Amino acid sequence: MKQTEMASGAANPRFVDRKPHELLWRRLSRLAGLSDAVLSDQERSMIRQTCAAPGEVPAGAALYVEGEPLRKPGALLAGWACRLRLLPDGRRQIFDFLLPGDLFGHSLGPEPFATTSAVTLTTVSIAGTGCLWEMGREPDRFPGLVRALAAAHARQQALLLDHVVRLGRQTAQERVAHLLLELGHRLDEIGFPLGSFVPMPLTQEVMADALGLSGVHVNRTLQQLKRERLIETKAASIRLIDPVALATIADFRLPSGRSAAP
């Protein structure tokens, strides 16, 4: 597969044909193990207002920068971004990816300074969520939203721990398979069925920076997975042909702790 094969469609962030507020509250509800109806009318109304006038940010822009105050928490409504750290010589380590429905730029600690930077990989649509986090300080008034925000934070921490194991103890094939499955399951949560072609606007360079591999190694590993009929790629999309086999290779487990393989 060519270096740019998975990124040629990256400029179009409109992957989810759903109203932004519906995407966000369904995403939060699912993370918290709630039904949409559990969120109160007031909570849902605030989410709707939050998403009413999203802003657009071009590819390659910083949503926030490591070491700077986190003043503008937000939600990604369309497009892709990533969290990363830059080394002095220009090398970078990508920690995770932001997909539509994900929250960013918030802090639960007393000092709201960014511990990473967040950069857009495509043109993105974002909404400010400061009001939601203020509501999240009142569990008696907004219990559904508080639970959903806590679940979103817990999911982020679980994904980070998975990434530590991925980088520290897995082979190249296991790393690539694990990342593809993680993204596949997260896309499934927002309406892209696992096993179908789904958007994945990642260059092999971006995957290499996420997985601690060279671009050449990523290419070879993707080619191997294609030869084994485990994945199929075209333009900026990918299909996980055999998610069960990939889960077995990667020892992939869903954030709930349930294994993705039988």
C-alpha atoms as a PDB file:
ATOM      1  CA  MET A   1       0.000   0.000   0.000  1.00  0.00           C
ATOM      2  CA  LYS A   2       1.311   3.440  -0.872  1.00  0.00           C
ATOM      3  CA  GLN A   3       2.273   5.902   1.837  1.00  0.00           C
ATOM      4  CA  THR A   4      -0.743   8.123   1.159  1.00  0.00           C
ATOM      5  CA  GLU A   5      -3.336   5.498   0.289  1.00  0.00           C
ATOM      6  CA  MET A   6      -5.209   5.770   3.566  1.00  0.00           C
ATOM      7  CA  ALA A   7      -5.118   9.552   3.591  1.00  0.00           C
ATOM      8  CA  SER A   8      -6.232  10.725   0.176  1.00  0.00           C
ATOM      9  CA  GLY A   9      -9.741  11.500   1.420  1.00  0.00           C
ATOM     10  CA  ALA A  10      -8.665  13.157   4.649  1.00  0.00           C
ATOM     11  CA  ALA A  11      -9.914  16.603   3.668  1.00  0.00           C
ATOM     12  CA  ASN A  12     -13.575  15.616   4.017  1.00  0.00           C
ATOM     13  CA  PRO A  13     -14.478  15.370   7.706  1.00  0.00           C
ATOM     14  CA  ARG A  14     -18.225  14.855   7.259  1.00  0.00           C
ATOM     15  CA  PHE A  15     -18.170  11.185   8.109  1.00  0.00           C
ATOM     16  CA  VAL A  16     -21.266  10.981  10.285  1.00  0.00           C
ATOM     17  CA  ASP A  17     -24.666  11.718   8.746  1.00  0.00           C
ATOM     18  CA  ARG A  18     -26.274  12.670  12.039  1.00  0.00           C
ATOM     19  CA  LYS A  19     -27.183  15.908  13.787  1.00  0.00           C
ATOM     20  CA  PRO A  20     -24.206  17.008  15.909  1.00  0.00           C
ATOM     21  CA  HIS A  21     -26.122  17.152  19.184  1.00  0.00           C
ATOM     22  CA  GLU A  22     -27.518  13.647  18.609  1.00  0.00           C
ATOM     23  CA  LEU A  23     -24.025  12.342  17.932  1.00  0.00           C
ATOM     24  CA  LEU A  24     -22.696  13.867  21.151  1.00  0.00           C
ATOM     25  CA  TRP A  25     -25.463  12.787  23.502  1.00  0.00           C
ATOM     26  CA  ARG A  26     -25.633   9.273  22.062  1.00  0.00           C
ATOM     27  CA  ARG A  27     -21.862   9.014  22.389  1.00  0.00           C
ATOM     28  CA  LEU A  28     -21.929  10.178  26.007  1.00  0.00           C
ATOM     29  CA  SER A  29     -24.921   7.994  26.831  1.00  0.00           C
ATOM     30  CA  ARG A  30     -23.311   4.894  25.371  1.00  0.00           C
ATOM     31  CA  LEU A  31     -20.054   5.480  27.233  1.00  0.00           C
ATOM     32  CA  ALA A  32     -21.949   5.747  30.501  1.00  0.00           C
ATOM     33  CA  GLY A  33     -24.058   2.661  29.790  1.00  0.00           C
ATOM     34  CA  LEU A  34     -27.188   4.799  29.677  1.00  0.00           C
ATOM     35  CA  SER A  35     -30.087   5.035  27.273  1.00  0.00           C
ATOM     36  CA  ASP A  36     -30.682   8.372  25.571  1.00  0.00           C
ATOM     37  CA  ALA A  37     -33.801   8.787  27.683  1.00  0.00           C
ATOM     38  CA  VAL A  38     -31.801   8.785  30.945  1.00  0.00           C
ATOM     39  CA  LEU A  39     -30.427  12.228  30.154  1.00  0.00           C
ATOM     40  CA  SER A  40     -32.935  14.788  31.380  1.00  0.00           C
ATOM     41  CA  ASP A  41     -34.665  17.204  29.041  1.00  0.00           C
ATOM     42  CA  GLN A  42     -32.514  20.007  30.463  1.00  0.00           C
ATOM     43  CA  GLU A  43     -29.304  18.032  29.933  1.00  0.00           C
ATOM     44  CA  ARG A  44     -30.239  17.203  26.369  1.00  0.00           C
ATOM     45  CA  SER A  45     -31.258  20.803  25.730  1.00  0.00           C
ATOM     46  CA  MET A  46     -27.849  22.043  26.898  1.00  0.00           C
ATOM     47  CA  ILE A  47     -26.080  19.537  24.651  1.00  0.00           C
ATOM     48  CA  ARG A  48     -28.240  20.711  21.744  1.00  0.00           C
ATOM     49  CA  GLN A  49     -27.354  24.350  22.461  1.00  0.00           C
ATOM     50  CA  THR A  50     -23.672  23.463  22.793  1.00  0.00           C
ATOM     51  CA  CYS A  51     -23.658  22.005  19.282  1.00  0.00           C
ATOM     52  CA  ALA A  52     -25.836  24.697  17.703  1.00  0.00           C
ATOM     53  CA  ALA A  53     -23.017  26.789  16.216  1.00  0.00           C
ATOM     54  CA  PRO A  54     -19.905  24.633  15.717  1.00  0.00           C
ATOM     55  CA  GLY A  55     -16.681  26.128  14.464  1.00  0.00           C
ATOM     56  CA  GLU A  56     -14.453  24.729  11.725  1.00  0.00           C
ATOM     57  CA  VAL A  57     -10.702  24.239  12.143  1.00  0.00           C
ATOM     58  CA  PRO A  58      -8.375  23.308   9.256  1.00  0.00           C
ATOM     59  CA  ALA A  59      -6.108  20.276   9.156  1.00  0.00           C
ATOM     60  CA  GLY A  60      -2.772  20.697  10.906  1.00  0.00           C
ATOM     61  CA  ALA A  61      -4.018  23.209  13.488  1.00  0.00           C
ATOM     62  CA  ALA A  62      -3.436  22.964  17.238  1.00  0.00           C
ATOM     63  CA  LEU A  63      -6.548  22.620  19.383  1.00  0.00           C
ATOM     64  CA  TYR A  64      -4.360  23.148  22.449  1.00  0.00           C
ATOM     65  CA  VAL A  65      -0.635  23.085  23.206  1.00  0.00           C
ATOM     66  CA  GLU A  66       1.304  21.178  25.865  1.00  0.00           C
ATOM     67  CA  GLY A  67       2.053  23.312  28.910  1.00  0.00           C
ATOM     68  CA  GLU A  68      -0.528  25.974  28.138  1.00  0.00           C
ATOM     69  CA  PRO A  69      -3.718  26.541  30.169  1.00  0.00           C
ATOM     70  CA  LEU A  70      -6.778  24.580  29.075  1.00  0.00           C
ATOM     71  CA  ARG A  71      -9.269  27.385  28.606  1.00  0.00           C
ATOM     72  CA  LYS A  72     -11.554  26.043  25.876  1.00  0.00           C
ATOM     73  CA  PRO A  73     -12.823  22.487  26.408  1.00  0.00           C
ATOM     74  CA  GLY A  74     -14.622  21.154  23.373  1.00  0.00           C
ATOM     75  CA  ALA A  75     -16.177  18.256  21.525  1.00  0.00           C
ATOM     76  CA  LEU A  76     -15.189  17.008  18.098  1.00  0.00           C
ATOM     77  CA  LEU A  77     -18.305  16.822  15.928  1.00  0.00           C
ATOM     78  CA  ALA A  78     -16.676  15.876  12.614  1.00  0.00           C
ATOM     79  CA  GLY A  79     -13.179  15.024  11.419  1.00  0.00           C
ATOM     80  CA  TRP A  80     -10.144  13.505  13.131  1.00  0.00           C
ATOM     81  CA  ALA A  81      -7.482  14.844  15.497  1.00  0.00           C
ATOM     82  CA  CYS A  82      -4.811  13.355  17.738  1.00  0.00           C
ATOM     83  CA  ARG A  83      -3.099  13.973  21.057  1.00  0.00           C
ATOM     84  CA  LEU A  84       0.690  14.010  20.956  1.00  0.00           C
ATOM     85  CA  ARG A  85       3.973  15.227  22.364  1.00  0.00           C
ATOM     86  CA  LEU A  86       6.751  16.743  20.271  1.00  0.00           C
ATOM     87  CA  LEU A  87      10.426  16.113  20.986  1.00  0.00           C
ATOM     88  CA  PRO A  88      13.004  18.903  20.502  1.00  0.00           C
ATOM     89  CA  ASP A  89      14.301  17.297  17.292  1.00  0.00           C
ATOM     90  CA  GLY A  90      10.838  17.223  15.711  1.00  0.00           C
ATOM     91  CA  ARG A  91       9.971  13.607  16.421  1.00  0.00           C
ATOM     92  CA  ARG A  92       6.530  13.051  17.878  1.00  0.00           C
ATOM     93  CA  GLN A  93       4.645  10.434  19.860  1.00  0.00           C
ATOM     94  CA  ILE A  94       0.918  10.198  19.228  1.00  0.00           C
ATOM     95  CA  PHE A  95      -0.984   9.009  22.295  1.00  0.00           C
ATOM     96  CA  ASP A  96      -4.485   8.636  20.934  1.00  0.00           C
ATOM     97  CA  PHE A  97      -6.919   9.763  18.280  1.00  0.00           C
ATOM     98  CA  LEU A  98      -9.966  12.001  18.615  1.00  0.00           C
ATOM     99  CA  LEU A  99     -13.009  10.861  16.638  1.00  0.00           C
ATOM    100  CA  PRO A 100     -16.434  12.494  16.190  1.00  0.00           C
ATOM    101  CA  GLY A 101     -18.203  12.609  19.543  1.00  0.00           C
ATOM    102  CA  ASP A 102     -14.986  12.740  21.595  1.00  0.00           C
ATOM    103  CA  LEU A 103     -14.316  15.426  24.199  1.00  0.00           C
ATOM    104  CA  PHE A 104     -11.029  17.280  24.490  1.00  0.00           C
ATOM    105  CA  GLY A 105      -9.290  20.096  26.338  1.00  0.00           C
ATOM    106  CA  HIS A 106     -10.768  19.502  29.792  1.00  0.00           C
ATOM    107  CA  SER A 107      -9.016  18.845  33.099  1.00  0.00           C
ATOM    108  CA  LEU A 108     -10.318  17.297  36.297  1.00  0.00           C
ATOM    109  CA  GLY A 109      -7.307  18.497  38.283  1.00  0.00           C
ATOM    110  CA  PRO A 110      -6.827  21.760  40.196  1.00  0.00           C
ATOM    111  CA  GLU A 111      -4.350  23.121  37.632  1.00  0.00           C
ATOM    112  CA  PRO A 112      -5.879  22.970  34.139  1.00  0.00           C
ATOM    113  CA  PHE A 113      -2.689  22.854  32.083  1.00  0.00           C
ATOM    114  CA  ALA A 114      -2.345  20.681  28.995  1.00  0.00           C
ATOM    115  CA  THR A 115      -0.089  17.649  29.450  1.00  0.00           C
ATOM    116  CA  THR A 116      -0.136  16.971  25.702  1.00  0.00           C
ATOM    117  CA  SER A 117      -0.848  18.884  22.513  1.00  0.00           C
ATOM    118  CA  ALA A 118      -3.849  18.150  20.295  1.00  0.00           C
ATOM    119  CA  VAL A 119      -3.558  18.609  16.529  1.00  0.00           C
ATOM    120  CA  THR A 120      -6.158  18.194  13.794  1.00  0.00           C
ATOM    121  CA  LEU A 121      -5.487  15.517  11.172  1.00  0.00           C
ATOM    122  CA  THR A 122      -8.340  16.653   8.920  1.00  0.00           C
ATOM    123  CA  THR A 123     -10.585  19.674   8.775  1.00  0.00           C
ATOM    124  CA  VAL A 124     -12.708  19.351  11.905  1.00  0.00           C
ATOM    125  CA  SER A 125     -15.937  20.726  13.300  1.00  0.00           C
ATOM    126  CA  ILE A 126     -15.849  21.517  17.018  1.00  0.00           C
ATOM    127  CA  ALA A 127     -18.179  22.833  19.704  1.00  0.00           C
ATOM    128  CA  GLY A 128     -17.243  24.437  23.011  1.00  0.00           C
ATOM    129  CA  THR A 129     -18.278  22.363  26.035  1.00  0.00           C
ATOM    130  CA  GLY A 130     -17.398  24.640  28.946  1.00  0.00           C
ATOM    131  CA  CYS A 131     -21.045  24.849  30.014  1.00  0.00           C
ATOM    132  CA  LEU A 132     -21.332  21.042  30.128  1.00  0.00           C
ATOM    133  CA  TRP A 133     -18.335  20.747  32.439  1.00  0.00           C
ATOM    134  CA  GLU A 134     -19.829  23.445  34.680  1.00  0.00           C
ATOM    135  CA  MET A 135     -23.025  21.395  34.825  1.00  0.00           C
ATOM    136  CA  GLY A 136     -20.855  18.390  35.621  1.00  0.00           C
ATOM    137  CA  ARG A 137     -20.008  19.986  38.969  1.00  0.00           C
ATOM    138  CA  GLU A 138     -23.631  19.559  40.091  1.00  0.00           C
ATOM    139  CA  PRO A 139     -24.370  15.820  40.360  1.00  0.00           C
ATOM    140  CA  ASP A 140     -27.643  16.363  42.206  1.00  0.00           C
ATOM    141  CA  ARG A 141     -29.073  18.483  39.384  1.00  0.00           C
ATOM    142  CA  PHE A 142     -27.492  16.734  36.410  1.00  0.00           C
ATOM    143  CA  PRO A 143     -26.783  13.099  37.393  1.00  0.00           C
ATOM    144  CA  GLY A 144     -26.938  11.710  33.866  1.00  0.00           C
ATOM    145  CA  LEU A 145     -24.474  14.226  32.472  1.00  0.00           C
ATOM    146  CA  VAL A 146     -22.116  13.806  35.443  1.00  0.00           C
ATOM    147  CA  ARG A 147     -22.072  10.062  34.913  1.00  0.00           C
ATOM    148  CA  ALA A 148     -21.510  10.476  31.176  1.00  0.00           C
ATOM    149  CA  LEU A 149     -18.608  12.919  31.596  1.00  0.00           C
ATOM    150  CA  ALA A 150     -16.976  10.655  34.181  1.00  0.00           C
ATOM    151  CA  ALA A 151     -17.337   7.707  31.812  1.00  0.00           C
ATOM    152  CA  ALA A 152     -15.747   9.693  28.979  1.00  0.00           C
ATOM    153  CA  HIS A 153     -12.763  10.505  31.192  1.00  0.00           C
ATOM    154  CA  ALA A 154     -12.465   6.877  32.325  1.00  0.00           C
ATOM    155  CA  ARG A 155     -12.536   5.694  28.701  1.00  0.00           C
ATOM    156  CA  GLN A 156      -9.702   8.074  27.833  1.00  0.00           C
ATOM    157  CA  GLN A 157      -7.606   6.687  30.699  1.00  0.00           C
ATOM    158  CA  ALA A 158      -8.344   3.094  29.667  1.00  0.00           C
ATOM    159  CA  LEU A 159      -7.283   3.790  26.081  1.00  0.00           C
ATOM    160  CA  LEU A 160      -4.050   5.358  27.331  1.00  0.00           C
ATOM    161  CA  LEU A 161      -3.240   2.256  29.400  1.00  0.00           C
ATOM    162  CA  ASP A 162      -3.945   0.059  26.385  1.00  0.00           C
ATOM    163  CA  HIS A 163      -1.531   2.213  24.407  1.00  0.00           C
ATOM    164  CA  VAL A 164       1.218   1.775  27.013  1.00  0.00           C
ATOM    165  CA  VAL A 165       0.909  -2.006  26.717  1.00  0.00           C
ATOM    166  CA  ARG A 166       0.751  -1.756  22.931  1.00  0.00           C
ATOM    167  CA  LEU A 167       4.004   0.191  22.761  1.00  0.00           C
ATOM    168  CA  GLY A 168       5.822  -1.662  25.508  1.00  0.00           C
ATOM    169  CA  ARG A 169       5.053  -5.317  24.958  1.00  0.00           C
ATOM    170  CA  GLN A 170       3.486  -5.988  21.547  1.00  0.00           C
ATOM    171  CA  THR A 171       5.062  -6.929  18.240  1.00  0.00           C
ATOM    172  CA  ALA A 172       4.590  -4.778  15.139  1.00  0.00           C
ATOM    173  CA  GLN A 173       1.777  -7.000  13.862  1.00  0.00           C
ATOM    174  CA  GLU A 174       0.066  -6.976  17.252  1.00  0.00           C
ATOM    175  CA  ARG A 175       0.370  -3.187  17.521  1.00  0.00           C
ATOM    176  CA  VAL A 176      -1.123  -2.512  14.102  1.00  0.00           C
ATOM    177  CA  ALA A 177      -3.942  -5.027  14.603  1.00  0.00           C
ATOM    178  CA  HIS A 178      -4.722  -3.635  18.057  1.00  0.00           C
ATOM    179  CA  LEU A 179      -4.877  -0.020  16.865  1.00  0.00           C
ATOM    180  CA  LEU A 180      -7.078  -0.897  13.886  1.00  0.00           C
ATOM    181  CA  LEU A 181      -9.473  -2.800  16.141  1.00  0.00           C
ATOM    182  CA  GLU A 182      -9.596  -0.004  18.696  1.00  0.00           C
ATOM    183  CA  LEU A 183     -10.464   2.535  16.018  1.00  0.00           C
ATOM    184  CA  GLY A 184     -12.881   0.111  14.370  1.00  0.00           C
ATOM    185  CA  HIS A 185     -14.839  -0.402  17.582  1.00  0.00           C
ATOM    186  CA  ARG A 186     -14.894   3.325  18.317  1.00  0.00           C
ATOM    187  CA  LEU A 187     -16.199   4.040  14.816  1.00  0.00           C
ATOM    188  CA  ASP A 188     -18.812   1.316  15.299  1.00  0.00           C
ATOM    189  CA  GLU A 189     -20.093   3.280  18.302  1.00  0.00           C
ATOM    190  CA  ILE A 190     -20.856   6.290  16.088  1.00  0.00           C
ATOM    191  CA  GLY A 191     -22.572   4.441  13.272  1.00  0.00           C
ATOM    192  CA  PHE A 192     -19.941   2.680  11.148  1.00  0.00           C
ATOM    193  CA  PRO A 193     -20.525  -1.083  11.492  1.00  0.00           C
ATOM    194  CA  LEU A 194     -17.482  -3.164  12.336  1.00  0.00           C
ATOM    195  CA  GLY A 195     -16.547  -5.226   9.298  1.00  0.00           C
ATOM    196  CA  SER A 196     -17.704  -2.647   6.740  1.00  0.00           C
ATOM    197  CA  PHE A 197     -15.574  -0.020   5.005  1.00  0.00           C
ATOM    198  CA  VAL A 198     -15.053   2.804   7.503  1.00  0.00           C
ATOM    199  CA  PRO A 199     -13.229   6.138   7.216  1.00  0.00           C
ATOM    200  CA  MET A 200      -9.637   6.104   8.432  1.00  0.00           C
ATOM    201  CA  PRO A 201      -7.747   9.142   7.137  1.00  0.00           C
ATOM    202  CA  LEU A 202      -4.377   8.138   8.580  1.00  0.00           C
ATOM    203  CA  THR A 203      -1.121   8.200   6.667  1.00  0.00           C
ATOM    204  CA  GLN A 204       1.372   5.477   7.417  1.00  0.00           C
ATOM    205  CA  GLU A 205       3.585   8.201   8.916  1.00  0.00           C
ATOM    206  CA  VAL A 206       0.838   9.044  11.413  1.00  0.00           C
ATOM    207  CA  MET A 207       0.364   5.364  12.249  1.00  0.00           C
ATOM    208  CA  ALA A 208       4.132   5.021  12.702  1.00  0.00           C
ATOM    209  CA  ASP A 209       4.185   7.965  15.120  1.00  0.00           C
ATOM    210  CA  ALA A 210       1.368   6.360  17.100  1.00  0.00           C
ATOM    211  CA  LEU A 211       2.861   2.864  17.187  1.00  0.00           C
ATOM    212  CA  GLY A 212       6.559   3.580  17.677  1.00  0.00           C
ATOM    213  CA  LEU A 213       7.443   1.987  14.344  1.00  0.00           C
ATOM    214  CA  SER A 214       9.019   3.187  11.117  1.00  0.00           C
ATOM    215  CA  GLY A 215       6.806   3.991   8.154  1.00  0.00           C
ATOM    216  CA  VAL A 216       8.408   1.105   6.274  1.00  0.00           C
ATOM    217  CA  HIS A 217       7.554  -1.302   9.099  1.00  0.00           C
ATOM    218  CA  VAL A 218       3.953  -0.107   9.184  1.00  0.00           C
ATOM    219  CA  ASN A 219       3.699  -0.590   5.420  1.00  0.00           C
ATOM    220  CA  ARG A 220       5.061  -4.128   5.600  1.00  0.00           C
ATOM    221  CA  THR A 221       2.715  -5.023   8.429  1.00  0.00           C
ATOM    222  CA  LEU A 222      -0.340  -3.659   6.620  1.00  0.00           C
ATOM    223  CA  GLN A 223       0.663  -5.571   3.493  1.00  0.00           C
ATOM    224  CA  GLN A 224       0.950  -8.750   5.547  1.00  0.00           C
ATOM    225  CA  LEU A 225      -2.517  -8.257   7.040  1.00  0.00           C
ATOM    226  CA  LYS A 226      -3.881  -7.679   3.536  1.00  0.00           C
ATOM    227  CA  ARG A 227      -2.225 -10.836   2.180  1.00  0.00           C
ATOM    228  CA  GLU A 228      -3.775 -12.808   5.021  1.00  0.00           C
ATOM    229  CA  ARG A 229      -7.193 -11.361   4.079  1.00  0.00           C
ATOM    230  CA  LEU A 230      -7.625  -9.731   7.478  1.00  0.00           C
ATOM    231  CA  ILE A 231      -8.014  -6.159   6.185  1.00  0.00           C
ATOM    232  CA  GLU A 232      -8.814  -4.356   2.951  1.00  0.00           C
ATOM    233  CA  THR A 233      -8.033  -0.711   2.173  1.00  0.00           C
ATOM    234  CA  LYS A 234      -9.091   1.854  -0.380  1.00  0.00           C
ATOM    235  CA  ALA A 235      -8.535   5.623  -0.439  1.00  0.00           C
ATOM    236  CA  ALA A 236      -9.011   6.915   3.108  1.00  0.00           C
ATOM    237  CA  SER A 237     -11.005   3.915   4.325  1.00  0.00           C
ATOM    238  CA  ILE A 238     -10.420   0.420   5.624  1.00  0.00           C
ATOM    239  CA  ARG A 239     -12.439  -2.749   6.170  1.00  0.00           C
ATOM    240  CA  LEU A 240     -11.599  -5.178   8.933  1.00  0.00           C
ATOM    241  CA  ILE A 241     -12.463  -8.394   7.117  1.00  0.00           C
ATOM    242  CA  ASP A 242     -11.959 -10.686  10.112  1.00  0.00           C
ATOM    243  CA  PRO A 243     -12.185  -8.755  13.398  1.00  0.00           C
ATOM    244  CA  VAL A 244     -12.156 -11.968  15.434  1.00  0.00           C
ATOM    245  CA  ALA A 245      -8.856 -13.109  13.931  1.00  0.00           C
ATOM    246  CA  LEU A 246      -7.381  -9.636  14.436  1.00  0.00           C
ATOM    247  CA  ALA A 247      -8.526  -9.668  18.068  1.00  0.00           C
ATOM    248  CA  THR A 248      -6.821 -13.016  18.584  1.00  0.00           C
ATOM    249  CA  ILE A 249      -3.573 -11.691  17.099  1.00  0.00           C
ATOM    250  CA  ALA A 250      -3.627  -8.530  19.214  1.00  0.00           C
ATOM    251  CA  ASP A 251      -5.205  -9.963  22.396  1.00  0.00           C
ATOM    252  CA  PHE A 252      -7.652  -7.106  21.966  1.00  0.00           C
ATOM    253  CA  ARG A 253     -10.112  -6.423  24.747  1.00  0.00           C
ATOM    254  CA  LEU A 254     -12.886  -3.879  24.818  1.00  0.00           C
ATOM    255  CA  PRO A 255     -12.591  -1.114  27.441  1.00  0.00           C
ATOM    256  CA  SER A 256     -15.227  -2.890  29.546  1.00  0.00           C
ATOM    257  CA  GLY A 257     -12.762  -5.766  29.964  1.00  0.00           C
ATOM    258  CA  ARG A 258     -14.618  -8.149  27.683  1.00  0.00           C
ATOM    259  CA  SER A 259     -12.456  -9.795  25.055  1.00  0.00           C
ATOM    260  CA  ALA A 260     -13.311  -8.988  21.457  1.00  0.00           C
ATOM    261  CA  ALA A 261     -12.450 -12.553  20.509  1.00  0.00           C
ATOM    262  CA  PRO A 262     -14.650 -15.499  21.562  1.00  0.00           C
END
